Amino acid sequence: IRLCIVTTVHWKAFMGGAKYQIKCLLERLVPLGRYDIHYIARRTPEDERLDGYNIHRIGDGKAVPRFGYISDAPALYRTLSRLKPDVIYQRIGCGYTGIAAYYARRSRCGLVWHAANDTDVQLGMKVVEKNMLRQRLERKLLSYGIKHADRVVTQTERQAQLLLENFGRRPDAV
C-alpha cells in the first residue's frame, strides 16, 4: 500500500504538535513494513530518504508563499500523480487539504484528513493577516478538502462538534 503523507512541514525542519503526531504515527507504521511511505511537504530536511520512508519537497522549502499554499498546487498535484498513492493522509488544514482532495477524487485514491487544531474546523479566517486574498484562498481550499475527504479525524470532541456545526459532517474518529 502506497501511503503519501501531505503536510506543510517535516518535523526536522520545524517541530510542532501536529508534526510530532505525524512522527509518532510513522514510528508505528514504518516497522510494520506493509507500507511504501512518502512524506510530501514544503519545508523538509535535505535527506530524500529518512528512517524507512521517502521525502519529497514541494515549493522552495521556505515559509508560506505570498498567496498561500495554492502556489504549490501544480507541484503537489504532479508529485501525487507521479507517486500514485493508494491513500493520502493530509494533516494541518490549509490549501494542501483541498489540493489533496481534488487529486484523490480524480484518481480514486482514499483521503484521510486529520484536523490539527480548532481553527481547522471553524469557518472564520484561520490566521489574522493583511493578505486577505491568501486567507480566502486557503479557507476555500480547506473547506473543499474537508467536504470531500473520505475520512476525517479530529483530536478532540470540541473539534468534532465544530466539524458538525460548520461542515455538516461527523468525524470518522476522534
N, C-alpha and C. Protein backbone atom coordinates (compact mmCIF):
# COMPACT_ATOMS: atom_id res chain seq x y z
N ILE A 1 0.86 -1.18 0.00
CA ILE A 1 0.00 0.00 0.00
C ILE A 1 0.90 1.23 0.00
N ARG A 2 0.69 2.08 -0.98
CA ARG A 2 1.47 3.32 -1.05
C ARG A 2 0.71 4.41 -0.32
N LEU A 3 1.35 4.95 0.71
CA LEU A 3 0.78 5.99 1.55
C LEU A 3 1.56 7.28 1.36
N CYS A 4 0.87 8.35 1.04
CA CYS A 4 1.50 9.67 0.96
C CYS A 4 1.00 10.52 2.12
N ILE A 5 1.92 11.01 2.90
CA ILE A 5 1.61 11.94 3.98
C ILE A 5 1.87 13.33 3.43
N VAL A 6 0.84 14.16 3.42
CA VAL A 6 0.94 15.51 2.86
C VAL A 6 0.72 16.51 3.98
N THR A 7 1.71 17.35 4.20
CA THR A 7 1.61 18.39 5.22
C THR A 7 2.52 19.55 4.83
N THR A 8 2.54 20.57 5.62
CA THR A 8 3.32 21.76 5.27
C THR A 8 4.79 21.65 5.60
N VAL A 9 5.11 20.97 6.71
CA VAL A 9 6.48 20.97 7.24
C VAL A 9 6.82 19.61 7.81
N HIS A 10 8.04 19.18 7.60
CA HIS A 10 8.56 17.98 8.26
C HIS A 10 9.08 18.40 9.63
N TRP A 11 8.93 17.55 10.63
CA TRP A 11 9.33 17.93 12.00
C TRP A 11 10.81 18.21 12.13
N LYS A 12 11.65 17.69 11.23
CA LYS A 12 13.08 18.01 11.32
C LYS A 12 13.37 19.43 10.82
N ALA A 13 12.43 20.02 10.11
CA ALA A 13 12.57 21.42 9.68
C ALA A 13 11.94 22.36 10.69
N PHE A 14 10.84 21.93 11.33
CA PHE A 14 10.19 22.73 12.37
C PHE A 14 9.25 21.83 13.15
N MET A 15 9.52 21.67 14.43
CA MET A 15 8.69 20.78 15.26
C MET A 15 7.50 21.54 15.83
N GLY A 16 6.36 20.92 15.74
CA GLY A 16 5.13 21.43 16.34
C GLY A 16 4.28 20.23 16.71
N GLY A 17 3.13 20.46 17.30
CA GLY A 17 2.30 19.37 17.79
C GLY A 17 1.85 18.41 16.71
N ALA A 18 1.34 18.92 15.59
CA ALA A 18 0.87 18.05 14.51
C ALA A 18 2.04 17.29 13.90
N LYS A 19 3.17 17.95 13.75
CA LYS A 19 4.34 17.27 13.19
C LYS A 19 4.82 16.16 14.13
N TYR A 20 4.76 16.42 15.42
CA TYR A 20 5.14 15.40 16.40
C TYR A 20 4.21 14.19 16.29
N GLN A 21 2.92 14.45 16.11
CA GLN A 21 1.96 13.35 15.99
C GLN A 21 2.19 12.55 14.71
N ILE A 22 2.58 13.22 13.62
CA ILE A 22 2.93 12.50 12.39
C ILE A 22 4.16 11.64 12.64
N LYS A 23 5.13 12.18 13.35
CA LYS A 23 6.34 11.43 13.70
C LYS A 23 5.97 10.16 14.48
N CYS A 24 5.08 10.29 15.45
CA CYS A 24 4.63 9.13 16.23
C CYS A 24 3.93 8.11 15.35
N LEU A 25 3.09 8.58 14.43
CA LEU A 25 2.41 7.69 13.50
C LEU A 25 3.42 6.92 12.65
N LEU A 26 4.41 7.62 12.12
CA LEU A 26 5.43 6.96 11.30
C LEU A 26 6.24 5.96 12.11
N GLU A 27 6.51 6.28 13.37
CA GLU A 27 7.26 5.36 14.21
C GLU A 27 6.51 4.04 14.42
N ARG A 28 5.19 4.07 14.26
CA ARG A 28 4.38 2.85 14.35
C ARG A 28 4.24 2.15 13.00
N LEU A 29 4.09 2.94 11.91
CA LEU A 29 3.84 2.35 10.60
C LEU A 29 5.09 1.78 9.93
N VAL A 30 6.21 2.49 10.00
CA VAL A 30 7.42 2.06 9.30
C VAL A 30 7.85 0.65 9.71
N PRO A 31 7.92 0.33 11.01
CA PRO A 31 8.38 -1.02 11.39
C PRO A 31 7.47 -2.15 10.91
N LEU A 32 6.22 -1.84 10.60
CA LEU A 32 5.31 -2.88 10.11
C LEU A 32 5.74 -3.41 8.75
N GLY A 33 6.40 -2.55 7.96
CA GLY A 33 6.88 -2.95 6.65
C GLY A 33 5.78 -3.22 5.63
N ARG A 34 4.57 -2.78 5.90
CA ARG A 34 3.45 -3.03 5.00
C ARG A 34 3.14 -1.85 4.08
N TYR A 35 3.84 -0.75 4.26
CA TYR A 35 3.51 0.47 3.53
C TYR A 35 4.74 1.03 2.82
N ASP A 36 4.52 1.53 1.62
CA ASP A 36 5.53 2.30 0.90
C ASP A 36 5.17 3.76 1.20
N ILE A 37 5.92 4.37 2.11
CA ILE A 37 5.53 5.67 2.66
C ILE A 37 6.33 6.80 2.02
N HIS A 38 5.59 7.85 1.65
CA HIS A 38 6.19 9.05 1.05
C HIS A 38 5.68 10.26 1.81
N TYR A 39 6.60 11.09 2.28
CA TYR A 39 6.29 12.29 3.06
C TYR A 39 6.47 13.49 2.14
N ILE A 40 5.39 14.23 1.89
CA ILE A 40 5.42 15.36 0.97
C ILE A 40 5.16 16.63 1.77
N ALA A 41 6.09 17.59 1.67
CA ALA A 41 5.94 18.85 2.42
C ALA A 41 6.73 19.96 1.74
N ARG A 42 6.42 21.17 2.12
CA ARG A 42 7.13 22.34 1.61
C ARG A 42 8.50 22.50 2.27
N ARG A 43 8.51 22.37 3.58
CA ARG A 43 9.77 22.50 4.33
C ARG A 43 10.18 21.12 4.82
N THR A 44 11.32 20.66 4.33
CA THR A 44 11.79 19.31 4.65
C THR A 44 13.29 19.33 4.96
N PRO A 45 13.79 18.26 5.59
CA PRO A 45 15.25 18.13 5.70
C PRO A 45 15.81 17.81 4.31
N GLU A 46 17.10 17.86 4.16
CA GLU A 46 17.73 17.63 2.86
C GLU A 46 17.65 16.17 2.41
N ASP A 47 17.53 15.24 3.34
CA ASP A 47 17.51 13.82 3.00
C ASP A 47 16.34 13.49 2.07
N GLU A 48 16.58 12.59 1.13
CA GLU A 48 15.50 12.14 0.28
C GLU A 48 14.86 10.88 0.84
N ARG A 49 15.59 10.19 1.69
CA ARG A 49 15.06 9.01 2.37
C ARG A 49 15.48 9.11 3.82
N LEU A 50 14.52 8.84 4.70
CA LEU A 50 14.78 9.02 6.12
C LEU A 50 14.01 7.98 6.91
N ASP A 51 14.69 7.23 7.74
CA ASP A 51 14.04 6.31 8.67
C ASP A 51 12.99 5.41 8.03
N GLY A 52 13.23 4.93 6.81
CA GLY A 52 12.33 3.97 6.20
C GLY A 52 11.22 4.56 5.35
N TYR A 53 11.29 5.84 5.03
CA TYR A 53 10.29 6.44 4.13
C TYR A 53 10.98 7.49 3.28
N ASN A 54 10.32 7.85 2.18
CA ASN A 54 10.87 8.82 1.23
C ASN A 54 10.32 10.20 1.50
N ILE A 55 11.14 11.21 1.26
CA ILE A 55 10.75 12.60 1.47
C ILE A 55 10.75 13.32 0.12
N HIS A 56 9.70 14.10 -0.11
CA HIS A 56 9.57 14.86 -1.35
C HIS A 56 9.27 16.32 -0.99
N ARG A 57 10.15 17.21 -1.38
CA ARG A 57 9.92 18.64 -1.14
C ARG A 57 9.16 19.24 -2.31
N ILE A 58 8.14 20.02 -1.97
CA ILE A 58 7.44 20.79 -2.99
C ILE A 58 7.64 22.27 -2.65
N GLY A 59 7.61 23.11 -3.63
CA GLY A 59 7.86 24.53 -3.38
C GLY A 59 9.34 24.77 -3.16
N ASP A 60 9.64 25.94 -2.63
CA ASP A 60 11.05 26.32 -2.47
C ASP A 60 11.62 25.99 -1.09
N GLY A 61 10.82 25.38 -0.24
CA GLY A 61 11.31 24.99 1.08
C GLY A 61 11.29 26.10 2.10
N LYS A 62 10.78 27.25 1.73
CA LYS A 62 10.73 28.38 2.65
C LYS A 62 9.36 28.48 3.30
N ALA A 63 9.10 29.58 3.97
CA ALA A 63 7.82 29.79 4.67
C ALA A 63 6.65 29.81 3.69
N VAL A 64 5.46 30.05 4.21
CA VAL A 64 4.24 30.07 3.41
C VAL A 64 4.40 31.05 2.24
N PRO A 65 4.04 30.62 1.03
CA PRO A 65 4.14 31.52 -0.12
C PRO A 65 3.21 32.72 0.02
N ARG A 66 3.50 33.75 -0.71
CA ARG A 66 2.75 35.01 -0.63
C ARG A 66 1.24 34.80 -0.80
N PHE A 67 0.87 33.96 -1.74
CA PHE A 67 -0.55 33.72 -1.98
C PHE A 67 -1.02 32.40 -1.39
N GLY A 68 -0.30 31.89 -0.43
CA GLY A 68 -0.71 30.68 0.27
C GLY A 68 -0.26 29.41 -0.42
N TYR A 69 -0.70 28.31 0.14
CA TYR A 69 -0.26 27.01 -0.34
C TYR A 69 -0.83 26.65 -1.70
N ILE A 70 -1.80 27.42 -2.19
CA ILE A 70 -2.29 27.19 -3.56
C ILE A 70 -1.14 27.37 -4.56
N SER A 71 -0.14 28.15 -4.18
CA SER A 71 1.03 28.34 -5.05
C SER A 71 1.74 27.02 -5.32
N ASP A 72 1.62 26.08 -4.40
CA ASP A 72 2.26 24.77 -4.56
C ASP A 72 1.36 23.75 -5.24
N ALA A 73 0.16 24.15 -5.66
CA ALA A 73 -0.80 23.20 -6.24
C ALA A 73 -0.21 22.40 -7.41
N PRO A 74 0.42 23.05 -8.39
CA PRO A 74 0.96 22.25 -9.50
C PRO A 74 2.01 21.24 -9.05
N ALA A 75 2.91 21.66 -8.18
CA ALA A 75 3.97 20.76 -7.71
C ALA A 75 3.41 19.62 -6.87
N LEU A 76 2.45 19.91 -6.00
CA LEU A 76 1.84 18.87 -5.18
C LEU A 76 1.06 17.89 -6.06
N TYR A 77 0.28 18.40 -6.97
CA TYR A 77 -0.50 17.53 -7.85
C TYR A 77 0.41 16.65 -8.69
N ARG A 78 1.49 17.23 -9.25
CA ARG A 78 2.45 16.45 -10.05
C ARG A 78 3.10 15.35 -9.21
N THR A 79 3.47 15.70 -7.98
CA THR A 79 4.12 14.71 -7.11
C THR A 79 3.16 13.57 -6.80
N LEU A 80 1.92 13.89 -6.46
CA LEU A 80 0.94 12.84 -6.20
C LEU A 80 0.69 12.00 -7.46
N SER A 81 0.60 12.64 -8.61
CA SER A 81 0.38 11.91 -9.87
C SER A 81 1.53 10.96 -10.17
N ARG A 82 2.74 11.39 -9.87
CA ARG A 82 3.92 10.54 -10.10
C ARG A 82 3.96 9.36 -9.13
N LEU A 83 3.60 9.61 -7.88
CA LEU A 83 3.68 8.56 -6.85
C LEU A 83 2.49 7.60 -6.88
N LYS A 84 1.34 8.07 -7.36
CA LYS A 84 0.12 7.25 -7.44
C LYS A 84 -0.20 6.55 -6.11
N PRO A 85 -0.50 7.34 -5.07
CA PRO A 85 -0.79 6.72 -3.78
C PRO A 85 -2.12 5.97 -3.76
N ASP A 86 -2.18 4.99 -2.87
CA ASP A 86 -3.45 4.32 -2.60
C ASP A 86 -4.24 5.13 -1.58
N VAL A 87 -3.51 5.76 -0.67
CA VAL A 87 -4.12 6.56 0.40
C VAL A 87 -3.27 7.81 0.62
N ILE A 88 -3.95 8.94 0.84
CA ILE A 88 -3.29 10.18 1.24
C ILE A 88 -3.74 10.49 2.66
N TYR A 89 -2.77 10.76 3.53
CA TYR A 89 -3.05 11.23 4.89
C TYR A 89 -2.61 12.68 4.91
N GLN A 90 -3.57 13.60 5.01
CA GLN A 90 -3.24 15.02 4.97
C GLN A 90 -3.50 15.62 6.35
N ARG A 91 -2.49 16.31 6.85
CA ARG A 91 -2.55 16.87 8.19
C ARG A 91 -2.27 18.36 8.14
N ILE A 92 -2.92 19.11 8.98
CA ILE A 92 -2.83 20.57 9.11
C ILE A 92 -3.69 21.22 8.02
N GLY A 93 -4.80 21.78 8.42
CA GLY A 93 -5.75 22.36 7.48
C GLY A 93 -5.18 23.57 6.76
N CYS A 94 -5.10 23.47 5.43
CA CYS A 94 -4.58 24.57 4.61
C CYS A 94 -4.94 24.27 3.16
N GLY A 95 -4.36 25.00 2.24
CA GLY A 95 -4.62 24.78 0.83
C GLY A 95 -4.29 23.37 0.38
N TYR A 96 -3.31 22.73 1.02
CA TYR A 96 -2.96 21.35 0.65
C TYR A 96 -4.14 20.41 0.85
N THR A 97 -5.02 20.71 1.81
CA THR A 97 -6.18 19.87 2.06
C THR A 97 -7.05 19.79 0.81
N GLY A 98 -7.32 20.93 0.22
CA GLY A 98 -8.14 20.97 -0.99
C GLY A 98 -7.45 20.35 -2.19
N ILE A 99 -6.16 20.59 -2.33
CA ILE A 99 -5.41 20.03 -3.45
C ILE A 99 -5.38 18.51 -3.35
N ALA A 100 -5.14 17.99 -2.14
CA ALA A 100 -5.13 16.54 -1.93
C ALA A 100 -6.51 15.95 -2.22
N ALA A 101 -7.57 16.63 -1.80
CA ALA A 101 -8.92 16.14 -2.05
C ALA A 101 -9.22 16.13 -3.55
N TYR A 102 -8.81 17.15 -4.24
CA TYR A 102 -9.03 17.23 -5.68
C TYR A 102 -8.32 16.07 -6.38
N TYR A 103 -7.05 15.85 -6.01
CA TYR A 103 -6.31 14.73 -6.60
C TYR A 103 -7.00 13.40 -6.27
N ALA A 104 -7.36 13.20 -5.01
CA ALA A 104 -7.94 11.93 -4.57
C ALA A 104 -9.24 11.62 -5.32
N ARG A 105 -10.07 12.62 -5.52
CA ARG A 105 -11.34 12.40 -6.23
C ARG A 105 -11.10 12.01 -7.69
N ARG A 106 -10.12 12.62 -8.31
CA ARG A 106 -9.85 12.34 -9.72
C ARG A 106 -9.15 11.01 -9.92
N SER A 107 -8.36 10.58 -8.93
CA SER A 107 -7.57 9.35 -9.10
C SER A 107 -8.15 8.16 -8.35
N ARG A 108 -9.22 8.41 -7.60
CA ARG A 108 -9.89 7.36 -6.85
C ARG A 108 -9.00 6.72 -5.78
N CYS A 109 -8.20 7.55 -5.16
CA CYS A 109 -7.45 7.05 -4.00
C CYS A 109 -8.13 7.62 -2.76
N GLY A 110 -7.89 7.00 -1.62
CA GLY A 110 -8.52 7.46 -0.39
C GLY A 110 -7.82 8.68 0.18
N LEU A 111 -8.59 9.52 0.85
CA LEU A 111 -8.04 10.69 1.53
C LEU A 111 -8.52 10.70 2.97
N VAL A 112 -7.56 10.70 3.88
CA VAL A 112 -7.84 10.87 5.31
C VAL A 112 -7.34 12.25 5.67
N TRP A 113 -8.25 13.11 6.14
CA TRP A 113 -7.83 14.43 6.60
C TRP A 113 -7.91 14.46 8.12
N HIS A 114 -6.86 14.96 8.75
CA HIS A 114 -6.76 14.99 10.21
C HIS A 114 -6.61 16.43 10.67
N ALA A 115 -7.60 16.93 11.40
CA ALA A 115 -7.55 18.30 11.92
C ALA A 115 -6.39 18.44 12.90
N ALA A 116 -5.72 19.56 12.85
CA ALA A 116 -4.58 19.80 13.74
C ALA A 116 -4.95 20.70 14.91
N ASN A 117 -6.01 21.50 14.76
CA ASN A 117 -6.42 22.40 15.84
C ASN A 117 -7.86 22.85 15.61
N ASP A 118 -8.41 23.57 16.57
CA ASP A 118 -9.81 24.01 16.48
C ASP A 118 -10.07 24.90 15.27
N THR A 119 -9.12 25.76 14.92
CA THR A 119 -9.36 26.67 13.81
C THR A 119 -9.48 25.94 12.47
N ASP A 120 -8.94 24.73 12.38
CA ASP A 120 -9.09 23.96 11.14
C ASP A 120 -10.56 23.68 10.83
N VAL A 121 -11.40 23.58 11.86
CA VAL A 121 -12.80 23.20 11.66
C VAL A 121 -13.76 24.36 11.96
N GLN A 122 -13.24 25.57 11.96
CA GLN A 122 -14.07 26.76 12.10
C GLN A 122 -14.19 27.44 10.74
N LEU A 123 -15.24 28.22 10.55
CA LEU A 123 -15.47 28.85 9.26
C LEU A 123 -14.70 30.15 9.07
N GLY A 124 -14.37 30.83 10.13
CA GLY A 124 -13.67 32.12 10.01
C GLY A 124 -12.26 31.97 9.49
N MET A 125 -11.60 33.10 9.35
CA MET A 125 -10.24 33.09 8.87
C MET A 125 -9.32 32.43 9.90
N LYS A 126 -8.40 31.63 9.40
CA LYS A 126 -7.53 30.85 10.28
C LYS A 126 -6.51 31.74 10.99
N VAL A 127 -5.91 32.64 10.25
CA VAL A 127 -4.86 33.49 10.80
C VAL A 127 -5.19 34.94 10.44
N VAL A 128 -5.03 35.82 11.38
CA VAL A 128 -5.25 37.23 11.10
C VAL A 128 -3.99 37.78 10.44
N GLU A 129 -4.13 38.25 9.23
CA GLU A 129 -3.02 38.82 8.50
C GLU A 129 -3.53 39.83 7.49
N LYS A 130 -2.62 40.54 6.88
CA LYS A 130 -3.01 41.59 5.95
C LYS A 130 -3.41 41.06 4.58
N ASN A 131 -2.89 39.92 4.17
CA ASN A 131 -3.15 39.39 2.84
C ASN A 131 -4.49 38.65 2.82
N MET A 132 -5.55 39.39 2.56
CA MET A 132 -6.91 38.82 2.56
C MET A 132 -7.12 37.80 1.44
N LEU A 133 -6.49 38.01 0.30
CA LEU A 133 -6.61 37.06 -0.80
C LEU A 133 -6.06 35.70 -0.37
N ARG A 134 -4.92 35.71 0.25
CA ARG A 134 -4.31 34.47 0.73
C ARG A 134 -5.23 33.77 1.72
N GLN A 135 -5.77 34.54 2.66
CA GLN A 135 -6.68 33.96 3.66
C GLN A 135 -7.88 33.31 2.99
N ARG A 136 -8.48 34.00 2.05
CA ARG A 136 -9.69 33.47 1.40
C ARG A 136 -9.39 32.23 0.57
N LEU A 137 -8.28 32.26 -0.16
CA LEU A 137 -7.90 31.08 -0.96
C LEU A 137 -7.66 29.87 -0.06
N GLU A 138 -6.95 30.08 1.03
CA GLU A 138 -6.66 28.98 1.96
C GLU A 138 -7.95 28.41 2.53
N ARG A 139 -8.88 29.27 2.95
CA ARG A 139 -10.13 28.79 3.55
C ARG A 139 -10.99 28.05 2.53
N LYS A 140 -11.02 28.55 1.30
CA LYS A 140 -11.81 27.88 0.25
C LYS A 140 -11.26 26.48 -0.02
N LEU A 141 -9.95 26.38 -0.14
CA LEU A 141 -9.35 25.07 -0.40
C LEU A 141 -9.52 24.14 0.80
N LEU A 142 -9.36 24.67 2.00
CA LEU A 142 -9.56 23.85 3.20
C LEU A 142 -10.99 23.34 3.26
N SER A 143 -11.95 24.21 3.04
CA SER A 143 -13.36 23.81 3.07
C SER A 143 -13.66 22.73 2.04
N TYR A 144 -13.15 22.90 0.83
CA TYR A 144 -13.33 21.89 -0.22
C TYR A 144 -12.75 20.56 0.25
N GLY A 145 -11.55 20.59 0.81
CA GLY A 145 -10.91 19.36 1.26
C GLY A 145 -11.67 18.66 2.36
N ILE A 146 -12.16 19.43 3.32
CA ILE A 146 -12.93 18.83 4.42
C ILE A 146 -14.20 18.18 3.88
N LYS A 147 -14.87 18.85 2.97
CA LYS A 147 -16.12 18.32 2.42
C LYS A 147 -15.91 17.08 1.56
N HIS A 148 -14.76 16.96 0.94
CA HIS A 148 -14.52 15.86 0.01
C HIS A 148 -13.56 14.79 0.52
N ALA A 149 -13.09 14.89 1.74
CA ALA A 149 -12.22 13.83 2.29
C ALA A 149 -13.05 12.57 2.51
N ASP A 150 -12.43 11.43 2.28
CA ASP A 150 -13.13 10.15 2.52
C ASP A 150 -13.31 9.89 4.00
N ARG A 151 -12.32 10.27 4.78
CA ARG A 151 -12.36 10.09 6.24
C ARG A 151 -11.82 11.36 6.88
N VAL A 152 -12.41 11.72 8.02
CA VAL A 152 -11.96 12.88 8.79
C VAL A 152 -11.68 12.44 10.22
N VAL A 153 -10.56 12.89 10.73
CA VAL A 153 -10.18 12.60 12.11
C VAL A 153 -10.03 13.93 12.84
N THR A 154 -10.61 14.01 14.03
CA THR A 154 -10.40 15.18 14.89
C THR A 154 -9.64 14.72 16.12
N GLN A 155 -9.03 15.67 16.81
CA GLN A 155 -8.26 15.35 18.02
C GLN A 155 -9.12 15.35 19.27
N THR A 156 -10.19 16.14 19.26
CA THR A 156 -10.99 16.34 20.46
C THR A 156 -12.48 16.31 20.13
N GLU A 157 -13.30 16.14 21.17
CA GLU A 157 -14.75 16.21 20.99
C GLU A 157 -15.17 17.62 20.56
N ARG A 158 -14.46 18.64 21.05
CA ARG A 158 -14.77 20.02 20.63
C ARG A 158 -14.58 20.17 19.12
N GLN A 159 -13.49 19.65 18.59
CA GLN A 159 -13.28 19.71 17.14
C GLN A 159 -14.36 18.92 16.40
N ALA A 160 -14.77 17.80 16.96
CA ALA A 160 -15.84 17.00 16.35
C ALA A 160 -17.13 17.82 16.28
N GLN A 161 -17.44 18.54 17.36
CA GLN A 161 -18.64 19.37 17.39
C GLN A 161 -18.55 20.51 16.38
N LEU A 162 -17.38 21.17 16.31
CA LEU A 162 -17.19 22.25 15.34
C LEU A 162 -17.29 21.74 13.91
N LEU A 163 -16.77 20.56 13.66
CA LEU A 163 -16.86 19.95 12.34
C LEU A 163 -18.32 19.74 11.95
N LEU A 164 -19.10 19.24 12.88
CA LEU A 164 -20.53 19.01 12.63
C LEU A 164 -21.26 20.34 12.41
N GLU A 165 -21.02 21.31 13.28
CA GLU A 165 -21.69 22.61 13.18
C GLU A 165 -21.34 23.36 11.89
N ASN A 166 -20.08 23.33 11.52
CA ASN A 166 -19.61 24.16 10.41
C ASN A 166 -19.55 23.47 9.06
N PHE A 167 -19.44 22.14 9.06
CA PHE A 167 -19.30 21.43 7.78
C PHE A 167 -20.33 20.32 7.60
N GLY A 168 -21.20 20.14 8.61
CA GLY A 168 -22.26 19.18 8.49
C GLY A 168 -21.82 17.73 8.41
N ARG A 169 -20.65 17.44 8.96
CA ARG A 169 -20.22 16.05 8.96
C ARG A 169 -19.60 15.66 10.28
N ARG A 170 -19.73 14.40 10.58
CA ARG A 170 -19.16 13.87 11.81
C ARG A 170 -17.79 13.27 11.48
N PRO A 171 -16.87 13.33 12.43
CA PRO A 171 -15.57 12.69 12.16
C PRO A 171 -15.71 11.17 12.17
N ASP A 172 -14.84 10.52 11.46
CA ASP A 172 -14.80 9.06 11.46
C ASP A 172 -14.07 8.54 12.69
N ALA A 173 -13.25 9.40 13.28
CA ALA A 173 -12.54 9.05 14.52
C ALA A 173 -12.20 10.33 15.26
N VAL A 174 -12.18 10.21 16.58
CA VAL A 174 -11.77 11.32 17.45
C VAL A 174 -10.55 10.83 18.21
